[in-house]
Protein backbone atom coordinates (compact mmCIF):
# COMPACT_ATOMS: atom_id res chain seq x y z
CA UNK A 1 0.00 0.00 0.00
CA UNK A 2 1.58 3.33 -1.04
CA UNK A 3 2.01 5.95 1.66
CA UNK A 4 0.05 9.21 1.52
CA UNK A 5 3.24 11.07 0.51
CA UNK A 6 3.78 8.67 -2.41
CA UNK A 7 0.32 9.21 -3.91
CA UNK A 8 -0.25 11.47 -6.88
CA UNK A 9 -3.15 12.72 -8.96
CA UNK A 10 -2.50 9.88 -11.42
CA UNK A 11 -4.87 7.73 -9.34
CA UNK A 12 -7.74 10.13 -10.12
CA UNK A 13 -6.94 10.91 -13.75
CA UNK A 14 -9.65 9.76 -16.22
CA UNK A 15 -8.94 8.39 -19.69
CA UNK A 16 -10.60 11.39 -21.36
CA UNK A 17 -8.77 14.50 -22.54
CA UNK A 18 -11.98 16.48 -22.70
CA UNK A 19 -11.44 19.53 -20.48
CA UNK A 20 -14.87 19.31 -18.85
CA UNK A 21 -14.31 15.65 -18.07
CA UNK A 22 -10.87 16.40 -16.63
CA UNK A 23 -12.27 19.21 -14.49
CA UNK A 24 -15.03 16.97 -13.14
CA UNK A 25 -12.52 14.28 -12.20
CA UNK A 26 -10.12 16.80 -10.64
CA UNK A 27 -12.89 18.02 -8.32
CA UNK A 28 -12.53 14.76 -6.42
CA UNK A 29 -8.74 14.58 -6.41
CA UNK A 30 -7.05 13.52 -3.19
CA UNK A 31 -3.59 13.04 -4.67
CA UNK A 32 -2.01 15.11 -1.91
CA UNK A 33 -3.20 16.53 1.41
CA UNK A 34 -3.93 20.05 0.13
CA UNK A 35 -7.54 19.06 -0.59
CA UNK A 36 -8.17 18.70 3.14
CA UNK A 37 -8.10 22.44 3.85
CA UNK A 38 -8.89 24.01 0.48
CA UNK A 39 -12.47 24.95 -0.36
CA UNK A 40 -12.37 23.20 -3.72
CA UNK A 41 -10.21 22.17 -6.66
CA UNK A 42 -9.44 25.06 -9.00
CA UNK A 43 -8.96 23.64 -12.49
CA UNK A 44 -7.87 25.53 -15.59
CA UNK A 45 -10.10 27.78 -17.66
CA UNK A 46 -10.32 28.49 -21.37
CA UNK A 47 -10.87 26.87 -24.73
CA UNK A 48 -9.37 23.55 -25.79
CA UNK A 49 -8.43 25.38 -28.99
CA UNK A 50 -6.44 28.10 -27.19
CA UNK A 51 -3.22 29.06 -28.95
CA UNK A 52 -1.45 30.04 -25.72
CA UNK A 53 -1.42 28.35 -22.32
CA UNK A 54 -0.41 30.27 -19.19
CA UNK A 55 0.62 28.34 -16.08
CA UNK A 56 0.88 29.92 -12.64
CA UNK A 57 1.74 28.49 -9.23
CA UNK A 58 -1.52 27.74 -7.42
CA UNK A 59 -4.93 29.32 -6.82
CA UNK A 60 -5.08 32.11 -4.27
CA UNK A 61 -7.69 32.95 -1.67
CA UNK A 62 -10.23 34.41 -4.11
CA UNK A 63 -9.67 31.66 -6.67
CA UNK A 64 -10.20 29.03 -3.97
CA UNK A 65 -13.54 30.60 -3.07
CA UNK A 66 -14.67 31.16 -6.68
CA UNK A 67 -13.41 27.85 -8.09
CA UNK A 68 -11.78 29.60 -11.06
CA UNK A 69 -8.16 30.58 -11.78
CA UNK A 70 -6.82 34.14 -11.95
CA UNK A 71 -9.93 35.97 -10.74
CA UNK A 72 -8.23 37.88 -7.91
CA UNK A 73 -5.87 40.88 -7.98
CA UNK A 74 -3.11 38.97 -9.79
CA UNK A 75 -5.61 37.83 -12.39
CA UNK A 76 -6.81 41.37 -13.00
CA UNK A 77 -3.22 42.51 -13.44
CA UNK A 78 -2.61 39.62 -15.84
CA UNK A 79 -5.66 40.61 -17.89
CA UNK A 80 -4.30 44.15 -18.14
CA UNK A 81 -0.87 42.85 -19.19
CA UNK A 82 -2.40 40.62 -21.87
CA UNK A 83 -4.26 43.59 -23.33
CA UNK A 84 -1.11 45.68 -23.45
CA UNK A 85 0.79 42.78 -25.02
CA UNK A 86 -1.84 42.53 -27.77
CA UNK A 87 -2.99 39.06 -26.74
CA UNK A 88 -6.70 38.25 -26.97
CA UNK A 89 -7.94 36.69 -23.75
CA UNK A 90 -10.13 34.17 -25.56
CA UNK A 91 -7.00 32.75 -27.21
CA UNK A 92 -5.51 31.90 -23.82
CA UNK A 93 -5.99 28.93 -21.50
CA UNK A 94 -4.98 29.65 -17.89
CA UNK A 95 -4.19 27.15 -15.17
CA UNK A 96 -1.87 26.45 -12.26
CA UNK A 97 0.78 23.85 -11.49
CA UNK A 98 -1.08 23.03 -8.25
CA UNK A 99 -4.88 22.91 -8.18
CA UNK A 100 -5.56 23.50 -4.47
CA UNK A 101 -4.87 26.60 -2.36
CA UNK A 102 -2.08 26.09 0.18
CA UNK A 103 -2.19 28.55 3.05
CA UNK A 104 -1.49 29.23 6.69
CA UNK A 105 -3.66 31.01 9.25
CA UNK A 106 -2.20 33.81 11.39
CA UNK A 107 -2.44 33.59 15.16
CA UNK A 108 -4.93 36.44 15.07
CA UNK A 109 -7.48 37.13 12.40
CA UNK A 110 -9.04 34.97 9.72
CA UNK A 111 -7.14 36.05 6.60
CA UNK A 112 -5.58 33.05 4.92
CA UNK A 113 -1.94 33.63 3.99
CA UNK A 114 -0.55 32.09 0.80
CA UNK A 115 2.13 29.43 1.29
CA UNK A 116 4.32 28.19 -1.55
CA UNK A 117 3.61 24.57 -2.54
CA UNK A 118 6.34 22.07 -1.80
CA UNK A 119 8.02 19.93 -4.44
CA UNK A 120 6.03 16.86 -3.32
CA UNK A 121 2.75 18.70 -3.93
CA UNK A 122 3.88 20.01 -7.31
CA UNK A 123 4.88 16.51 -8.42
CA UNK A 124 1.65 15.03 -7.05
CA UNK A 125 -0.43 17.49 -9.10
CA UNK A 126 1.66 17.24 -12.26
CA UNK A 127 -0.58 14.63 -13.96
CA UNK A 128 -3.38 17.20 -14.17
CA UNK A 129 -1.08 19.76 -15.78
CA UNK A 130 0.18 17.20 -18.29
CA UNK A 131 -3.41 16.20 -19.11
CA UNK A 132 -4.29 19.86 -19.72
CA UNK A 133 -1.29 20.23 -22.00
CA UNK A 134 -2.38 17.15 -23.92
CA UNK A 135 -5.96 18.44 -24.18
CA UNK A 136 -5.13 22.00 -25.25
CA UNK A 137 -1.91 21.30 -27.21
CA UNK A 138 -1.00 25.00 -27.33
CA UNK A 139 1.39 26.58 -29.79
CA UNK A 140 2.88 28.66 -26.97
CA UNK A 141 3.35 27.82 -23.29
CA UNK A 142 4.13 30.56 -20.76
CA UNK A 143 5.31 29.47 -17.32
CA UNK A 144 4.79 32.22 -14.74
CA UNK A 145 6.90 32.04 -11.63
CA UNK A 146 9.49 29.57 -10.36
CA UNK A 147 7.01 26.91 -9.22
CA UNK A 148 5.34 26.72 -12.63
CA UNK A 149 8.66 26.74 -14.48
CA UNK A 150 10.21 24.04 -12.33
CA UNK A 151 7.10 21.86 -12.56
CA UNK A 152 7.84 21.24 -16.25
CA UNK A 153 11.48 22.27 -16.77
CA UNK A 154 13.02 20.61 -13.72
CA UNK A 155 13.71 21.50 -10.10
CA UNK A 156 17.07 23.13 -10.90
CA UNK A 157 15.65 25.54 -13.51
CA UNK A 158 16.32 29.20 -12.70
CA UNK A 159 13.70 31.50 -14.15
CA UNK A 160 15.68 34.72 -13.89
CA UNK A 161 18.45 33.27 -16.04
CA UNK A 162 16.11 32.44 -18.91
CA UNK A 163 13.63 35.30 -19.28
CA UNK A 164 13.45 36.44 -22.88
CA UNK A 165 14.65 33.07 -24.25
CA UNK A 166 12.79 30.70 -26.55
CA UNK A 167 12.76 27.40 -24.66
CA UNK A 168 11.58 23.86 -25.29
CA UNK A 169 9.97 21.30 -23.03
CA UNK A 170 11.90 18.17 -22.08
CA UNK A 171 10.30 14.89 -23.18
CA UNK A 172 7.00 14.40 -21.35
CA UNK A 173 5.43 11.11 -20.38
CA UNK A 174 3.16 9.99 -23.22
CA UNK A 175 2.64 13.47 -24.72
CA UNK A 176 3.98 14.37 -28.14
CA UNK A 177 3.84 18.17 -28.15
CA UNK A 178 6.48 20.82 -28.76
CA UNK A 179 5.14 24.29 -28.01
CA UNK A 180 7.33 27.34 -27.94
CA UNK A 181 8.05 27.98 -24.26
CA UNK A 182 8.73 31.25 -22.44
CA UNK A 183 9.08 32.04 -18.76
CA UNK A 184 8.17 35.14 -16.80
CA UNK A 185 7.37 36.22 -13.28
CA UNK A 186 4.04 35.49 -11.66
CA UNK A 187 1.76 38.56 -11.77
CA UNK A 188 1.44 38.45 -7.98
CA UNK A 189 5.15 39.29 -7.68
CA UNK A 190 4.46 42.60 -9.43
CA UNK A 191 1.82 43.42 -6.81
CA UNK A 192 4.11 42.44 -3.93
CA UNK A 193 7.00 44.59 -5.12
CA UNK A 194 7.83 48.08 -3.84
CA UNK A 195 5.32 50.64 -5.20
CA UNK A 196 8.08 52.62 -6.89
CA UNK A 197 9.17 49.51 -8.86
CA UNK A 198 5.77 48.17 -9.90
CA UNK A 199 5.47 49.99 -13.21
CA UNK A 200 8.86 48.73 -14.34
CA UNK A 201 8.00 45.18 -13.23
CA UNK A 202 4.65 45.36 -14.99
CA UNK A 203 6.28 46.61 -18.20
CA UNK A 204 8.74 43.70 -18.04
CA UNK A 205 5.83 41.25 -17.68
CA UNK A 206 4.15 42.79 -20.73
CA UNK A 207 7.42 42.52 -22.65
CA UNK A 208 7.73 38.83 -21.76
CA UNK A 209 4.14 38.16 -22.88
CA UNK A 210 4.68 40.03 -26.11
CA UNK A 211 7.82 37.96 -26.73
CA UNK A 212 5.91 34.75 -26.02
CA UNK A 213 3.15 35.73 -28.46
CA UNK A 214 5.76 35.78 -31.22
CA UNK A 215 6.80 32.17 -30.58
CA UNK A 216 5.48 29.25 -32.59
CA UNK A 217 5.26 25.54 -31.94
CA UNK A 218 8.19 23.45 -33.08
CA UNK A 219 7.63 20.81 -35.80
CA UNK A 220 6.97 17.37 -34.31
């Protein structure tokens, strides 16, 4: 019998690559312990025919309550950045490397504080991300933040060293896709930065998205 720490979402993955079917199955996922405290699974959102796929870290407090990705402050900033980068929102599929909100509670107050997912949780949730990739098969993949980048490019990948580069995915289990890959910061990092630096950080995010929009899938 595998231990709880050895379990992954693979146990809950259906045979279908229909996004609605995947989302339904993910709602019952217990591949790691994050489901115990989260309100609900937050699966990806967008069309299966999306040309670009954006991957963040995990849902936040508002996403956990709404059951949809990128609907909080970081999502609003991302929407603004997409507009400025000339990317149509309906051409984008958005999701996260981890599908449940990980948080801590302060000693006083009820506000849930975001906590970065551990490597075990990222690996446990990876089957859902791979299934989404297989379902959407985007021309361009944008990994936002270190957690998202390392979930697909390896635990030693350093995002800051590769911004502005056209990257490729390593071989993935059972998936024959070769999107153009770009990395950038997570929109939430722009909001957390010093007020005097936010415009520059936002402009850099827009630049990264604009660069990604110019990428194309590699021949398979």
